[in-house]
Amino acid sequence: MSKSLQLVNGDLFISNRSLQTIRGKDKLFQDLSLWLRERIGTDPMTPTYGSTLDGGIVDNENVPSFIGRTINPFVAGQIQSEVYNNIIKYQKAQLQKIKNESSIYQGKNTLDPDEVINTIDSIKTSNIGTTVVVRVVLTTLSNQQINLTLPLTNPL
């Protein structure tokens, strides 16, 4: 079973004087939210982690953020493509982990079926003022649907 430390509003969640963990579809939801919000190329230890939704650096070139831009059909398509490509990258990492662990642990792995992406059902964007809202619907291997709503806003 795979688990992560639980974050609430960007902070570690502590209850009863203990760090709390999450797993399953909640872990998948948290992982994807963090991955998509992270500016790609800003961490030298993991330069390919993150997305360009809030800008970043790709091939030593600055990539502008989508946040605060007018969302016309072309920009909406770019955002949807970026989200889709990042979810596929995450899914490939999951499949590689399953493959690696299966060879080590006699066919078993540490991922729960409800945290493994099976299908990407839809990706939609909208904007409210300068906030871009990305809505993603995924289905896991356990046939659970996950609805990820990701508001992207300029920090004040």
N, C-alpha and C. Protein backbone atom coordinates (compact mmCIF):
# COMPACT_ATOMS: atom_id res chain seq x y z
N MET A 1 0.83 -1.19 0.00
CA MET A 1 0.00 0.00 0.00
C MET A 1 0.87 1.24 0.00
N SER A 2 0.54 2.11 -0.88
CA SER A 2 1.27 3.36 -1.02
C SER A 2 0.55 4.44 -0.21
N LYS A 3 1.31 5.28 0.44
CA LYS A 3 0.69 6.39 1.16
C LYS A 3 1.62 7.59 1.14
N SER A 4 1.05 8.75 1.41
CA SER A 4 1.78 10.01 1.46
C SER A 4 1.37 10.77 2.70
N LEU A 5 2.20 11.70 3.09
CA LEU A 5 1.81 12.60 4.17
C LEU A 5 0.68 13.49 3.67
N GLN A 6 -0.32 13.69 4.50
CA GLN A 6 -1.47 14.50 4.11
C GLN A 6 -1.16 15.98 4.24
N LEU A 7 -1.55 16.73 3.22
CA LEU A 7 -1.39 18.18 3.23
C LEU A 7 -2.77 18.83 3.26
N VAL A 8 -2.89 19.89 4.04
CA VAL A 8 -4.11 20.69 4.08
C VAL A 8 -3.68 22.14 3.91
N ASN A 9 -4.13 22.76 2.83
CA ASN A 9 -3.74 24.13 2.48
C ASN A 9 -2.22 24.29 2.44
N GLY A 10 -1.53 23.27 1.93
CA GLY A 10 -0.09 23.33 1.77
C GLY A 10 0.73 22.99 2.99
N ASP A 11 0.08 22.68 4.10
CA ASP A 11 0.78 22.34 5.33
C ASP A 11 0.55 20.88 5.70
N LEU A 12 1.54 20.28 6.37
CA LEU A 12 1.34 18.93 6.87
C LEU A 12 0.19 18.92 7.86
N PHE A 13 -0.62 17.89 7.79
CA PHE A 13 -1.78 17.78 8.66
C PHE A 13 -1.43 16.93 9.87
N ILE A 14 -1.62 17.52 11.05
CA ILE A 14 -1.33 16.83 12.31
C ILE A 14 -2.62 16.67 13.09
N SER A 15 -2.85 15.46 13.54
CA SER A 15 -4.01 15.17 14.37
C SER A 15 -3.56 14.25 15.50
N ASN A 16 -4.02 14.52 16.70
CA ASN A 16 -3.60 13.74 17.87
C ASN A 16 -2.08 13.65 17.97
N ARG A 17 -1.42 14.77 17.66
CA ARG A 17 0.03 14.91 17.77
C ARG A 17 0.80 13.97 16.84
N SER A 18 0.14 13.56 15.75
CA SER A 18 0.77 12.67 14.77
C SER A 18 0.54 13.22 13.36
N LEU A 19 1.56 13.05 12.53
CA LEU A 19 1.40 13.38 11.12
C LEU A 19 0.41 12.41 10.51
N GLN A 20 -0.52 12.93 9.73
CA GLN A 20 -1.53 12.07 9.10
C GLN A 20 -1.11 11.71 7.69
N THR A 21 -1.50 10.52 7.27
CA THR A 21 -1.19 10.05 5.94
C THR A 21 -2.48 9.83 5.16
N ILE A 22 -2.33 9.76 3.85
CA ILE A 22 -3.46 9.46 2.98
C ILE A 22 -3.04 8.38 2.00
N ARG A 23 -4.03 7.70 1.46
CA ARG A 23 -3.77 6.66 0.46
C ARG A 23 -4.97 6.55 -0.46
N GLY A 24 -4.86 5.69 -1.43
CA GLY A 24 -5.96 5.46 -2.35
C GLY A 24 -6.25 6.67 -3.21
N LYS A 25 -7.55 6.89 -3.48
CA LYS A 25 -7.93 7.98 -4.39
C LYS A 25 -7.60 9.34 -3.80
N ASP A 26 -7.58 9.48 -2.46
CA ASP A 26 -7.20 10.76 -1.85
C ASP A 26 -5.72 11.07 -2.13
N LYS A 27 -4.89 10.04 -2.11
CA LYS A 27 -3.47 10.21 -2.42
C LYS A 27 -3.30 10.62 -3.89
N LEU A 28 -4.03 9.94 -4.77
CA LEU A 28 -3.96 10.28 -6.19
C LEU A 28 -4.39 11.72 -6.42
N PHE A 29 -5.48 12.13 -5.79
CA PHE A 29 -5.98 13.49 -5.90
C PHE A 29 -4.91 14.49 -5.45
N GLN A 30 -4.30 14.24 -4.27
CA GLN A 30 -3.27 15.14 -3.74
C GLN A 30 -2.04 15.15 -4.65
N ASP A 31 -1.59 13.98 -5.09
CA ASP A 31 -0.41 13.90 -5.95
C ASP A 31 -0.60 14.70 -7.24
N LEU A 32 -1.74 14.51 -7.89
CA LEU A 32 -1.98 15.23 -9.15
C LEU A 32 -2.12 16.73 -8.94
N SER A 33 -2.78 17.12 -7.85
CA SER A 33 -2.91 18.56 -7.54
C SER A 33 -1.54 19.20 -7.37
N LEU A 34 -0.66 18.52 -6.62
CA LEU A 34 0.68 19.06 -6.39
C LEU A 34 1.49 19.09 -7.69
N TRP A 35 1.41 18.01 -8.45
CA TRP A 35 2.18 17.91 -9.69
C TRP A 35 1.78 19.01 -10.67
N LEU A 36 0.48 19.23 -10.82
CA LEU A 36 0.01 20.21 -11.80
C LEU A 36 0.28 21.65 -11.36
N ARG A 37 0.32 21.90 -10.06
CA ARG A 37 0.56 23.26 -9.57
C ARG A 37 2.04 23.62 -9.49
N GLU A 38 2.91 22.62 -9.49
CA GLU A 38 4.35 22.86 -9.37
C GLU A 38 4.89 23.43 -10.69
N ARG A 39 5.64 24.52 -10.60
CA ARG A 39 6.28 25.09 -11.80
C ARG A 39 7.40 24.16 -12.26
N ILE A 40 7.31 23.71 -13.49
CA ILE A 40 8.30 22.79 -14.02
C ILE A 40 9.67 23.47 -14.14
N GLY A 41 10.71 22.69 -13.87
CA GLY A 41 12.07 23.17 -14.07
C GLY A 41 12.61 24.06 -12.98
N THR A 42 11.89 24.25 -11.89
CA THR A 42 12.36 25.16 -10.84
C THR A 42 13.12 24.46 -9.73
N ASP A 43 13.09 23.13 -9.71
CA ASP A 43 13.83 22.36 -8.71
C ASP A 43 14.95 21.61 -9.43
N PRO A 44 16.21 21.95 -9.15
CA PRO A 44 17.32 21.31 -9.86
C PRO A 44 17.40 19.79 -9.63
N MET A 45 16.85 19.29 -8.53
CA MET A 45 16.89 17.86 -8.25
C MET A 45 15.84 17.09 -9.06
N THR A 46 14.75 17.75 -9.41
CA THR A 46 13.68 17.10 -10.19
C THR A 46 13.22 18.06 -11.29
N PRO A 47 14.05 18.31 -12.29
CA PRO A 47 13.75 19.34 -13.29
C PRO A 47 12.55 19.03 -14.18
N THR A 48 12.12 17.77 -14.28
CA THR A 48 10.98 17.45 -15.13
C THR A 48 9.69 17.28 -14.34
N TYR A 49 9.75 17.52 -13.04
CA TYR A 49 8.55 17.41 -12.20
C TYR A 49 7.76 18.71 -12.30
N GLY A 50 6.46 18.59 -12.46
CA GLY A 50 5.59 19.76 -12.50
C GLY A 50 5.04 20.01 -13.89
N SER A 51 4.35 21.13 -14.01
CA SER A 51 3.71 21.49 -15.28
C SER A 51 4.02 22.95 -15.62
N THR A 52 3.60 23.35 -16.79
CA THR A 52 3.79 24.74 -17.21
C THR A 52 2.55 25.59 -16.94
N LEU A 53 1.56 25.06 -16.19
CA LEU A 53 0.35 25.83 -15.94
C LEU A 53 0.66 27.16 -15.27
N ASP A 54 1.63 27.16 -14.36
CA ASP A 54 2.03 28.41 -13.71
C ASP A 54 3.42 28.83 -14.18
N GLY A 55 3.73 28.46 -15.40
CA GLY A 55 5.02 28.82 -15.97
C GLY A 55 6.11 27.86 -15.53
N GLY A 56 7.34 28.27 -15.74
CA GLY A 56 8.46 27.43 -15.36
C GLY A 56 9.60 27.58 -16.35
N ILE A 57 10.45 26.56 -16.36
CA ILE A 57 11.63 26.57 -17.24
C ILE A 57 11.69 25.22 -17.95
N VAL A 58 11.71 25.27 -19.28
CA VAL A 58 11.83 24.07 -20.10
C VAL A 58 12.96 24.30 -21.08
N ASP A 59 13.94 23.39 -21.10
CA ASP A 59 15.11 23.52 -21.98
C ASP A 59 15.79 24.87 -21.81
N ASN A 60 15.96 25.30 -20.56
CA ASN A 60 16.61 26.56 -20.20
C ASN A 60 15.87 27.80 -20.72
N GLU A 61 14.62 27.65 -21.10
CA GLU A 61 13.81 28.77 -21.57
C GLU A 61 12.66 29.00 -20.60
N ASN A 62 12.41 30.27 -20.26
CA ASN A 62 11.27 30.59 -19.41
C ASN A 62 9.98 30.36 -20.17
N VAL A 63 9.04 29.73 -19.49
CA VAL A 63 7.71 29.47 -20.06
C VAL A 63 6.72 30.33 -19.29
N PRO A 64 5.92 31.14 -19.99
CA PRO A 64 4.98 32.00 -19.28
C PRO A 64 3.83 31.20 -18.66
N SER A 65 3.29 31.75 -17.60
CA SER A 65 2.16 31.14 -16.89
C SER A 65 0.86 31.35 -17.68
N PHE A 66 -0.04 30.42 -17.54
CA PHE A 66 -1.39 30.59 -18.10
C PHE A 66 -2.26 31.42 -17.17
N ILE A 67 -1.85 31.55 -15.92
CA ILE A 67 -2.64 32.26 -14.92
C ILE A 67 -2.67 33.74 -15.26
N GLY A 68 -3.85 34.31 -15.21
CA GLY A 68 -4.02 35.73 -15.49
C GLY A 68 -4.21 36.07 -16.95
N ARG A 69 -4.08 35.08 -17.82
CA ARG A 69 -4.26 35.32 -19.25
C ARG A 69 -5.73 35.21 -19.62
N THR A 70 -6.10 35.86 -20.69
CA THR A 70 -7.44 35.69 -21.22
C THR A 70 -7.54 34.28 -21.81
N ILE A 71 -8.59 33.59 -21.45
CA ILE A 71 -8.74 32.22 -21.90
C ILE A 71 -9.64 32.18 -23.13
N ASN A 72 -9.00 32.15 -24.28
CA ASN A 72 -9.73 31.97 -25.53
C ASN A 72 -9.66 30.47 -25.88
N PRO A 73 -10.33 30.03 -26.91
CA PRO A 73 -10.32 28.60 -27.24
C PRO A 73 -8.91 28.02 -27.47
N PHE A 74 -8.02 28.80 -28.04
CA PHE A 74 -6.65 28.33 -28.28
C PHE A 74 -5.92 28.10 -26.96
N VAL A 75 -5.98 29.05 -26.05
CA VAL A 75 -5.32 28.93 -24.74
C VAL A 75 -5.96 27.79 -23.94
N ALA A 76 -7.28 27.66 -23.99
CA ALA A 76 -7.96 26.57 -23.30
C ALA A 76 -7.43 25.22 -23.81
N GLY A 77 -7.24 25.12 -25.11
CA GLY A 77 -6.68 23.89 -25.69
C GLY A 77 -5.27 23.61 -25.21
N GLN A 78 -4.46 24.68 -25.08
CA GLN A 78 -3.09 24.52 -24.57
C GLN A 78 -3.11 24.02 -23.12
N ILE A 79 -3.99 24.58 -22.31
CA ILE A 79 -4.10 24.17 -20.91
C ILE A 79 -4.54 22.71 -20.82
N GLN A 80 -5.55 22.36 -21.58
CA GLN A 80 -6.04 20.97 -21.57
C GLN A 80 -4.95 20.01 -22.02
N SER A 81 -4.18 20.39 -23.03
CA SER A 81 -3.08 19.56 -23.51
C SER A 81 -2.01 19.40 -22.43
N GLU A 82 -1.67 20.47 -21.75
CA GLU A 82 -0.66 20.41 -20.68
C GLU A 82 -1.12 19.50 -19.55
N VAL A 83 -2.38 19.62 -19.16
CA VAL A 83 -2.92 18.77 -18.09
C VAL A 83 -2.91 17.31 -18.54
N TYR A 84 -3.39 17.06 -19.75
CA TYR A 84 -3.42 15.70 -20.28
C TYR A 84 -2.02 15.09 -20.32
N ASN A 85 -1.05 15.82 -20.87
CA ASN A 85 0.33 15.31 -20.96
C ASN A 85 0.92 15.01 -19.59
N ASN A 86 0.61 15.83 -18.60
CA ASN A 86 1.14 15.58 -17.26
C ASN A 86 0.47 14.39 -16.59
N ILE A 87 -0.81 14.21 -16.82
CA ILE A 87 -1.49 13.04 -16.25
C ILE A 87 -0.95 11.77 -16.91
N ILE A 88 -0.70 11.81 -18.21
CA ILE A 88 -0.10 10.66 -18.90
C ILE A 88 1.29 10.37 -18.34
N LYS A 89 2.08 11.42 -18.09
CA LYS A 89 3.42 11.24 -17.51
C LYS A 89 3.32 10.60 -16.13
N TYR A 90 2.36 11.04 -15.33
CA TYR A 90 2.14 10.47 -14.00
C TYR A 90 1.71 9.01 -14.12
N GLN A 91 0.81 8.73 -15.05
CA GLN A 91 0.32 7.36 -15.26
C GLN A 91 1.47 6.44 -15.70
N LYS A 92 2.34 6.93 -16.57
CA LYS A 92 3.49 6.12 -17.01
C LYS A 92 4.42 5.82 -15.82
N ALA A 93 4.59 6.80 -14.94
CA ALA A 93 5.42 6.57 -13.74
C ALA A 93 4.78 5.50 -12.86
N GLN A 94 3.45 5.54 -12.74
CA GLN A 94 2.75 4.51 -11.97
C GLN A 94 2.98 3.13 -12.59
N LEU A 95 2.82 3.03 -13.89
CA LEU A 95 2.98 1.74 -14.57
C LEU A 95 4.41 1.22 -14.45
N GLN A 96 5.39 2.11 -14.52
CA GLN A 96 6.79 1.70 -14.35
C GLN A 96 7.04 1.20 -12.94
N LYS A 97 6.44 1.87 -11.95
CA LYS A 97 6.57 1.43 -10.56
C LYS A 97 5.96 0.05 -10.38
N ILE A 98 4.79 -0.17 -10.95
CA ILE A 98 4.13 -1.48 -10.86
C ILE A 98 5.02 -2.55 -11.49
N LYS A 99 5.57 -2.25 -12.65
CA LYS A 99 6.44 -3.21 -13.35
C LYS A 99 7.69 -3.53 -12.52
N ASN A 100 8.34 -2.49 -12.01
CA ASN A 100 9.55 -2.69 -11.22
C ASN A 100 9.28 -3.49 -9.95
N GLU A 101 8.23 -3.10 -9.23
CA GLU A 101 7.92 -3.78 -7.98
C GLU A 101 7.44 -5.21 -8.21
N SER A 102 6.72 -5.43 -9.29
CA SER A 102 6.24 -6.79 -9.59
C SER A 102 7.39 -7.76 -9.80
N SER A 103 8.47 -7.27 -10.41
CA SER A 103 9.62 -8.15 -10.61
C SER A 103 10.38 -8.40 -9.31
N ILE A 104 10.31 -7.47 -8.39
CA ILE A 104 11.00 -7.62 -7.10
C ILE A 104 10.17 -8.43 -6.10
N TYR A 105 8.85 -8.16 -6.07
CA TYR A 105 7.97 -8.73 -5.04
C TYR A 105 7.07 -9.84 -5.58
N GLN A 106 7.57 -10.67 -6.46
CA GLN A 106 6.84 -11.82 -6.99
C GLN A 106 5.43 -11.47 -7.49
N GLY A 107 5.34 -10.49 -8.35
CA GLY A 107 4.07 -10.13 -8.98
C GLY A 107 3.22 -9.14 -8.21
N LYS A 108 3.68 -8.69 -7.05
CA LYS A 108 2.91 -7.73 -6.25
C LYS A 108 3.54 -6.35 -6.34
N ASN A 109 2.73 -5.33 -6.01
CA ASN A 109 3.24 -3.97 -5.99
C ASN A 109 2.59 -3.20 -4.85
N THR A 110 3.07 -2.00 -4.59
CA THR A 110 2.61 -1.23 -3.43
C THR A 110 1.50 -0.24 -3.75
N LEU A 111 1.05 -0.17 -4.99
CA LEU A 111 -0.01 0.77 -5.34
C LEU A 111 -1.38 0.12 -5.18
N ASP A 112 -2.30 0.86 -4.58
CA ASP A 112 -3.68 0.40 -4.46
C ASP A 112 -4.39 0.62 -5.80
N PRO A 113 -5.32 -0.28 -6.18
CA PRO A 113 -6.06 -0.09 -7.44
C PRO A 113 -6.82 1.24 -7.48
N ASP A 114 -7.22 1.77 -6.31
CA ASP A 114 -7.96 3.03 -6.34
C ASP A 114 -7.07 4.26 -6.38
N GLU A 115 -5.74 4.07 -6.54
CA GLU A 115 -4.86 5.21 -6.75
C GLU A 115 -4.16 5.15 -8.11
N VAL A 116 -4.45 4.12 -8.88
CA VAL A 116 -3.83 3.97 -10.19
C VAL A 116 -4.80 4.46 -11.27
N ILE A 117 -4.33 5.35 -12.11
CA ILE A 117 -5.17 5.91 -13.17
C ILE A 117 -5.41 4.85 -14.23
N ASN A 118 -6.69 4.64 -14.54
CA ASN A 118 -7.06 3.73 -15.61
C ASN A 118 -7.39 4.54 -16.87
N THR A 119 -8.30 5.52 -16.74
CA THR A 119 -8.67 6.33 -17.90
C THR A 119 -8.78 7.81 -17.52
N ILE A 120 -8.51 8.66 -18.50
CA ILE A 120 -8.76 10.09 -18.37
C ILE A 120 -10.08 10.32 -19.10
N ASP A 121 -11.12 10.64 -18.35
CA ASP A 121 -12.46 10.74 -18.93
C ASP A 121 -12.75 12.11 -19.53
N SER A 122 -12.29 13.17 -18.89
CA SER A 122 -12.50 14.50 -19.47
C SER A 122 -11.57 15.51 -18.81
N ILE A 123 -11.26 16.56 -19.57
CA ILE A 123 -10.50 17.70 -19.08
C ILE A 123 -11.18 18.93 -19.66
N LYS A 124 -11.62 19.81 -18.80
CA LYS A 124 -12.30 21.03 -19.24
C LYS A 124 -11.71 22.23 -18.53
N THR A 125 -11.71 23.36 -19.18
CA THR A 125 -11.23 24.59 -18.58
C THR A 125 -12.31 25.66 -18.66
N SER A 126 -12.26 26.56 -17.71
CA SER A 126 -13.11 27.74 -17.74
C SER A 126 -12.35 28.83 -17.02
N ASN A 127 -12.84 30.04 -17.13
CA ASN A 127 -12.20 31.10 -16.36
C ASN A 127 -13.25 32.00 -15.75
N ILE A 128 -12.90 32.47 -14.57
CA ILE A 128 -13.71 33.42 -13.82
C ILE A 128 -12.77 34.57 -13.52
N GLY A 129 -12.91 35.67 -14.24
CA GLY A 129 -11.96 36.76 -14.09
C GLY A 129 -10.60 36.30 -14.56
N THR A 130 -9.60 36.42 -13.69
CA THR A 130 -8.25 35.97 -14.03
C THR A 130 -7.94 34.60 -13.45
N THR A 131 -8.94 33.92 -12.89
CA THR A 131 -8.74 32.58 -12.37
C THR A 131 -9.11 31.56 -13.44
N VAL A 132 -8.18 30.65 -13.70
CA VAL A 132 -8.42 29.55 -14.62
C VAL A 132 -8.83 28.35 -13.77
N VAL A 133 -9.94 27.73 -14.14
CA VAL A 133 -10.40 26.54 -13.42
C VAL A 133 -10.29 25.35 -14.36
N VAL A 134 -9.53 24.34 -13.92
CA VAL A 134 -9.35 23.12 -14.69
C VAL A 134 -10.13 22.02 -13.97
N ARG A 135 -10.98 21.33 -14.71
CA ARG A 135 -11.76 20.22 -14.15
C ARG A 135 -11.37 18.94 -14.88
N VAL A 136 -10.93 17.95 -14.10
CA VAL A 136 -10.48 16.68 -14.66
C VAL A 136 -11.31 15.57 -14.05
N VAL A 137 -11.75 14.64 -14.87
CA VAL A 137 -12.43 13.44 -14.39
C VAL A 137 -11.60 12.24 -14.82
N LEU A 138 -11.22 11.43 -13.83
CA LEU A 138 -10.41 10.22 -14.06
C LEU A 138 -11.15 9.02 -13.51
N THR A 139 -10.84 7.84 -14.04
CA THR A 139 -11.32 6.59 -13.47
C THR A 139 -10.11 5.77 -13.07
N THR A 140 -10.14 5.21 -11.87
CA THR A 140 -9.03 4.41 -11.35
C THR A 140 -9.22 2.94 -11.74
N LEU A 141 -8.21 2.12 -11.44
CA LEU A 141 -8.31 0.68 -11.71
C LEU A 141 -9.43 0.02 -10.92
N SER A 142 -9.82 0.61 -9.79
CA SER A 142 -10.91 0.05 -8.99
C SER A 142 -12.27 0.60 -9.44
N ASN A 143 -12.29 1.27 -10.60
CA ASN A 143 -13.51 1.83 -11.19
C ASN A 143 -14.10 3.00 -10.39
N GLN A 144 -13.30 3.66 -9.58
CA GLN A 144 -13.76 4.85 -8.87
C GLN A 144 -13.46 6.07 -9.74
N GLN A 145 -14.42 6.98 -9.79
CA GLN A 145 -14.19 8.23 -10.50
C GLN A 145 -13.63 9.26 -9.55
N ILE A 146 -12.66 10.01 -10.03
CA ILE A 146 -12.06 11.09 -9.27
C ILE A 146 -12.32 12.37 -10.04
N ASN A 147 -12.88 13.36 -9.36
CA ASN A 147 -13.12 14.67 -9.93
C ASN A 147 -12.12 15.63 -9.31
N LEU A 148 -11.22 16.11 -10.12
CA LEU A 148 -10.18 17.03 -9.67
C LEU A 148 -10.51 18.41 -10.21
N THR A 149 -10.80 19.36 -9.31
CA THR A 149 -11.03 20.75 -9.71
C THR A 149 -9.84 21.54 -9.22
N LEU A 150 -9.17 22.19 -10.15
CA LEU A 150 -7.93 22.89 -9.86
C LEU A 150 -8.05 24.36 -10.24
N PRO A 151 -8.33 25.25 -9.25
CA PRO A 151 -8.35 26.68 -9.57
C PRO A 151 -6.92 27.22 -9.59
N LEU A 152 -6.58 27.91 -10.64
CA LEU A 152 -5.25 28.51 -10.77
C LEU A 152 -5.40 30.01 -10.73
N THR A 153 -4.86 30.63 -9.68
CA THR A 153 -5.03 32.05 -9.45
C THR A 153 -3.68 32.71 -9.21
N ASN A 154 -3.54 33.95 -9.67
CA ASN A 154 -2.34 34.73 -9.34
C ASN A 154 -2.27 34.93 -7.84
N PRO A 155 -1.09 34.74 -7.22
CA PRO A 155 -0.98 35.07 -5.80
C PRO A 155 -1.08 36.57 -5.61
N LEU A 156 -1.64 36.97 -4.49
CA LEU A 156 -1.80 38.41 -4.22
C LEU A 156 -0.53 39.03 -3.70
